[in-house]
């Protein structure tokens, strides 16, 4: 009888572990898939930890890859998300998040001639119909989100020549009532947060966005060099 009880306890412990790990894995895959759909690049999450006895969830080391053709490996990295979920809503169709802390943000903005990595991300979001979602998808409402200081790395290359490279920081800020009354899917929330960070960075004045003049100057300079080279060859 004692041996049967021990086996039963071990079985319950293993079942509990499988359930816990399975739930964490489901959250991890949902976050990655939602981000990839919304942004058009690969994403990865190191781990998800969903609390069993309270409405707390942590996502660790979230990475959004840079579009192809740019120098940095990642477009955006976030060290940690911490969710405090309203009691009783974690299994509802609309999950209410009382507070969300987003910590350790690093954004890499790159411009190569007229092509910007942030432009590719924004264009992908724009091409999707992010306003609609399946009725079967669970939605999220975030009452308050606190975003920590953002590290902004910037680089501009025009016609193969590095015109600007720098690193700066943007103060943390707060967002409220994300998702309104109806909520957002994981994809919609991913797109919203990334667009907010890009807009915040571009409006900070710490990344040069008016590059058309510089491009024209370099084109004219290149044209002059080509003409000088041709003239030298003809005069030999």
Protein backbone atom coordinates (compact mmCIF):
# COMPACT_ATOMS: atom_id res chain seq x y z
CA UNK A 1 0.00 0.00 0.00
CA UNK A 2 2.83 2.34 0.92
CA UNK A 3 4.59 1.58 -2.38
CA UNK A 4 1.39 2.29 -4.34
CA UNK A 5 1.03 5.65 -2.57
CA UNK A 6 4.62 6.58 -3.45
CA UNK A 7 4.02 5.66 -7.10
CA UNK A 8 0.84 7.74 -7.09
CA UNK A 9 2.64 10.79 -5.64
CA UNK A 10 5.44 10.44 -8.20
CA UNK A 11 2.85 10.16 -10.98
CA UNK A 12 1.07 13.33 -9.79
CA UNK A 13 4.39 15.18 -9.59
CA UNK A 14 5.32 14.15 -13.13
CA UNK A 15 1.86 15.07 -14.42
CA UNK A 16 2.12 18.45 -12.73
CA UNK A 17 5.57 19.02 -14.28
CA UNK A 18 4.35 18.06 -17.76
CA UNK A 19 1.34 20.37 -17.42
CA UNK A 20 3.50 23.27 -16.19
CA UNK A 21 6.16 22.86 -18.87
CA UNK A 22 3.51 22.34 -21.56
CA UNK A 23 1.72 25.55 -20.64
CA UNK A 24 4.98 27.51 -20.67
CA UNK A 25 5.84 26.05 -24.08
CA UNK A 26 2.42 26.99 -25.50
CA UNK A 27 2.89 30.59 -24.35
CA UNK A 28 6.43 30.68 -25.77
CA UNK A 29 5.34 29.40 -29.19
CA UNK A 30 2.33 31.76 -29.29
CA UNK A 31 4.53 34.79 -28.64
CA UNK A 32 7.06 33.76 -31.30
CA UNK A 33 4.41 32.94 -33.93
CA UNK A 34 2.46 36.14 -33.27
CA UNK A 35 5.56 38.29 -33.59
CA UNK A 36 6.73 36.59 -36.78
CA UNK A 37 3.32 37.01 -38.42
CA UNK A 38 3.06 40.67 -37.47
CA UNK A 39 6.63 41.74 -38.27
CA UNK A 40 7.69 39.48 -41.14
CA UNK A 41 10.96 38.38 -39.54
CA UNK A 42 11.94 35.56 -37.21
CA UNK A 43 11.56 36.02 -33.47
CA UNK A 44 12.76 33.95 -30.53
CA UNK A 45 11.94 33.75 -26.84
CA UNK A 46 14.34 32.09 -24.41
CA UNK A 47 11.66 31.09 -21.91
CA UNK A 48 8.15 31.72 -20.60
CA UNK A 49 7.20 31.24 -16.96
CA UNK A 50 3.49 31.17 -16.17
CA UNK A 51 2.60 31.31 -12.47
CA UNK A 52 0.35 28.51 -11.24
CA UNK A 53 -1.00 30.05 -8.06
CA UNK A 54 -1.18 33.69 -9.07
CA UNK A 55 -1.69 35.74 -12.21
CA UNK A 56 1.92 36.42 -13.03
CA UNK A 57 3.77 35.60 -16.23
CA UNK A 58 7.36 36.33 -17.28
CA UNK A 59 8.82 36.22 -20.77
CA UNK A 60 12.61 36.23 -20.96
CA UNK A 61 15.04 37.37 -23.64
CA UNK A 62 12.79 38.14 -26.60
CA UNK A 63 14.62 38.80 -29.89
CA UNK A 64 13.29 40.15 -33.17
CA UNK A 65 15.63 39.50 -36.11
CA UNK A 66 16.76 42.26 -38.43
CA UNK A 67 15.46 42.10 -42.01
CA UNK A 68 18.00 40.68 -44.47
CA UNK A 69 20.68 42.98 -45.82
CA UNK A 70 21.43 44.91 -42.63
CA UNK A 71 24.47 44.82 -40.37
CA UNK A 72 23.04 43.98 -36.95
CA UNK A 73 21.71 40.51 -36.21
CA UNK A 74 18.73 41.76 -34.21
CA UNK A 75 16.30 44.59 -34.85
CA UNK A 76 14.99 44.66 -31.29
CA UNK A 77 15.84 42.79 -28.11
CA UNK A 78 13.87 42.87 -24.87
CA UNK A 79 15.33 41.33 -21.75
CA UNK A 80 12.09 40.71 -19.88
CA UNK A 81 8.31 41.12 -19.89
CA UNK A 82 6.51 40.83 -16.55
CA UNK A 83 2.71 40.50 -16.68
CA UNK A 84 0.37 40.84 -13.70
CA UNK A 85 -2.89 39.31 -14.86
CA UNK A 86 -6.28 40.12 -13.39
CA UNK A 87 -7.45 37.32 -11.13
CA UNK A 88 -9.82 34.95 -12.91
CA UNK A 89 -9.23 36.23 -16.44
CA UNK A 90 -6.28 34.02 -17.39
CA UNK A 91 -8.62 31.39 -18.88
CA UNK A 92 -11.09 33.89 -20.39
CA UNK A 93 -11.36 34.72 -24.10
CA UNK A 94 -10.14 38.23 -23.23
CA UNK A 95 -7.24 38.22 -20.78
CA UNK A 96 -6.98 41.42 -18.74
CA UNK A 97 -3.44 42.43 -17.80
CA UNK A 98 -3.44 44.90 -14.92
CA UNK A 99 0.20 45.85 -15.45
CA UNK A 100 2.98 45.01 -17.89
CA UNK A 101 6.62 45.86 -17.27
CA UNK A 102 8.95 45.76 -20.30
CA UNK A 103 12.60 45.95 -19.33
CA UNK A 104 15.97 45.94 -21.11
CA UNK A 105 15.05 47.29 -24.55
CA UNK A 106 17.68 47.66 -27.29
CA UNK A 107 16.59 48.91 -30.72
CA UNK A 108 18.90 48.96 -33.76
CA UNK A 109 17.82 51.41 -36.46
CA UNK A 110 19.76 51.16 -39.72
CA UNK A 111 19.51 53.04 -42.98
CA UNK A 112 21.31 51.91 -46.15
CA UNK A 113 20.74 54.45 -48.93
CA UNK A 114 16.95 54.80 -49.18
CA UNK A 115 16.31 51.47 -47.46
CA UNK A 116 15.72 51.38 -43.70
CA UNK A 117 15.25 48.27 -41.59
CA UNK A 118 12.47 50.02 -39.68
CA UNK A 119 10.80 50.91 -43.01
CA UNK A 120 10.68 47.22 -43.97
CA UNK A 121 9.13 46.30 -40.62
CA UNK A 122 6.53 49.10 -40.83
CA UNK A 123 5.69 48.23 -44.45
CA UNK A 124 5.06 44.61 -43.49
CA UNK A 125 2.73 45.67 -40.68
CA UNK A 126 0.93 48.03 -43.05
CA UNK A 127 0.42 45.31 -45.67
CA UNK A 128 -1.31 43.03 -43.16
CA UNK A 129 -4.92 43.50 -42.17
CA UNK A 130 -4.13 43.88 -38.48
CA UNK A 131 -7.56 45.31 -37.78
CA UNK A 132 -9.25 41.94 -38.10
CA UNK A 133 -8.72 38.70 -36.23
CA UNK A 134 -10.35 35.31 -35.88
CA UNK A 135 -13.09 35.02 -33.26
CA UNK A 136 -11.27 31.96 -31.90
CA UNK A 137 -8.09 33.93 -31.06
CA UNK A 138 -7.66 34.95 -27.45
CA UNK A 139 -7.24 38.65 -26.92
CA UNK A 140 -5.34 40.79 -24.45
CA UNK A 141 -6.21 44.07 -22.74
CA UNK A 142 -3.32 45.86 -21.03
CA UNK A 143 -4.47 48.41 -18.48
CA UNK A 144 -1.00 49.87 -17.95
CA UNK A 145 2.40 49.19 -19.53
CA UNK A 146 5.67 50.58 -18.18
CA UNK A 147 8.56 50.55 -20.66
CA UNK A 148 12.04 51.05 -19.23
CA UNK A 149 14.81 53.17 -20.75
CA UNK A 150 15.44 52.28 -24.39
CA UNK A 151 18.96 51.91 -25.76
CA UNK A 152 18.93 53.19 -29.34
CA UNK A 153 21.74 52.19 -31.71
CA UNK A 154 21.74 54.01 -35.04
CA UNK A 155 23.69 53.68 -38.29
CA UNK A 156 23.39 55.30 -41.70
CA UNK A 157 25.31 54.12 -44.77
CA UNK A 158 25.01 55.93 -48.10
CA UNK A 159 26.55 54.49 -51.26
CA UNK A 160 28.81 52.24 -49.21
CA UNK A 161 30.07 55.01 -46.95
CA UNK A 162 29.15 55.20 -43.25
CA UNK A 163 27.62 58.63 -42.70
CA UNK A 164 26.44 58.20 -39.13
CA UNK A 165 26.85 55.75 -36.26
CA UNK A 166 25.89 56.28 -32.67
CA UNK A 167 24.24 55.06 -29.49
CA UNK A 168 21.91 56.97 -27.20
CA UNK A 169 19.09 56.39 -24.75
CA UNK A 170 15.43 57.34 -24.61
CA UNK A 171 13.66 57.73 -21.29
CA UNK A 172 11.14 55.14 -20.23
CA UNK A 173 7.46 55.90 -20.67
CA UNK A 174 3.99 54.61 -19.85
CA UNK A 175 1.14 53.39 -22.04
CA UNK A 176 -2.42 52.87 -20.86
CA UNK A 177 -5.55 51.06 -22.04
CA UNK A 178 -3.85 49.06 -24.80
CA UNK A 179 -6.45 47.07 -26.68
CA UNK A 180 -9.39 49.25 -25.64
CA UNK A 181 -12.50 47.33 -24.63
CA UNK A 182 -12.26 44.50 -27.18
CA UNK A 183 -8.61 43.55 -26.74
CA UNK A 184 -5.76 42.73 -29.13
CA UNK A 185 -4.37 39.44 -30.38
CA UNK A 186 -0.71 38.62 -29.73
CA UNK A 187 0.09 39.67 -33.33
CA UNK A 188 -1.72 42.98 -32.96
CA UNK A 189 -0.04 43.69 -29.64
CA UNK A 190 3.40 42.85 -31.12
CA UNK A 191 2.82 45.23 -34.03
CA UNK A 192 1.52 47.97 -31.74
CA UNK A 193 4.50 47.84 -29.37
CA UNK A 194 7.09 47.75 -32.18
CA UNK A 195 5.42 50.65 -34.03
CA UNK A 196 5.34 52.64 -30.77
CA UNK A 197 9.06 52.09 -30.17
CA UNK A 198 9.97 53.01 -33.76
CA UNK A 199 7.85 56.18 -33.69
CA UNK A 200 9.25 57.16 -30.30
CA UNK A 201 12.81 56.71 -31.59
CA UNK A 202 12.27 58.61 -34.86
CA UNK A 203 10.55 61.51 -33.11
CA UNK A 204 13.38 61.79 -30.55
CA UNK A 205 15.64 63.44 -33.14
CA UNK A 206 18.43 60.95 -32.39
CA UNK A 207 18.24 59.26 -35.78
CA UNK A 208 18.77 61.26 -39.01
CA UNK A 209 15.74 60.71 -41.23
CA UNK A 210 16.20 63.45 -43.88
CA UNK A 211 18.79 61.75 -46.06
CA UNK A 212 17.72 62.72 -49.57
CA UNK A 213 20.11 65.67 -49.68
CA UNK A 214 23.08 63.55 -48.66
CA UNK A 215 22.20 60.88 -51.20
CA UNK A 216 22.04 63.49 -53.99
CA UNK A 217 25.39 64.96 -52.92
CA UNK A 218 27.10 61.59 -53.00
CA UNK A 219 25.52 60.73 -56.34
CA UNK A 220 26.81 64.00 -57.82
CA UNK A 221 30.23 63.37 -56.32
CA UNK A 222 30.27 59.85 -57.77
CA UNK A 223 29.19 61.18 -61.15
CA UNK A 224 31.99 63.77 -61.10
CA UNK A 225 34.56 61.10 -60.22
CA UNK A 226 33.38 58.90 -63.09
CA UNK A 227 33.52 61.84 -65.54
CA UNK A 228 37.02 62.79 -64.35
CA UNK A 229 38.17 59.20 -64.79
CA UNK A 230 36.78 59.02 -68.35
CA UNK A 231 38.40 62.37 -69.28
CA UNK A 232 41.76 61.20 -67.93
CA UNK A 233 41.54 58.05 -70.03
CA UNK A 234 40.63 60.03 -73.17
CA UNK A 235 43.46 62.49 -72.66
CA UNK A 236 46.15 59.80 -72.34
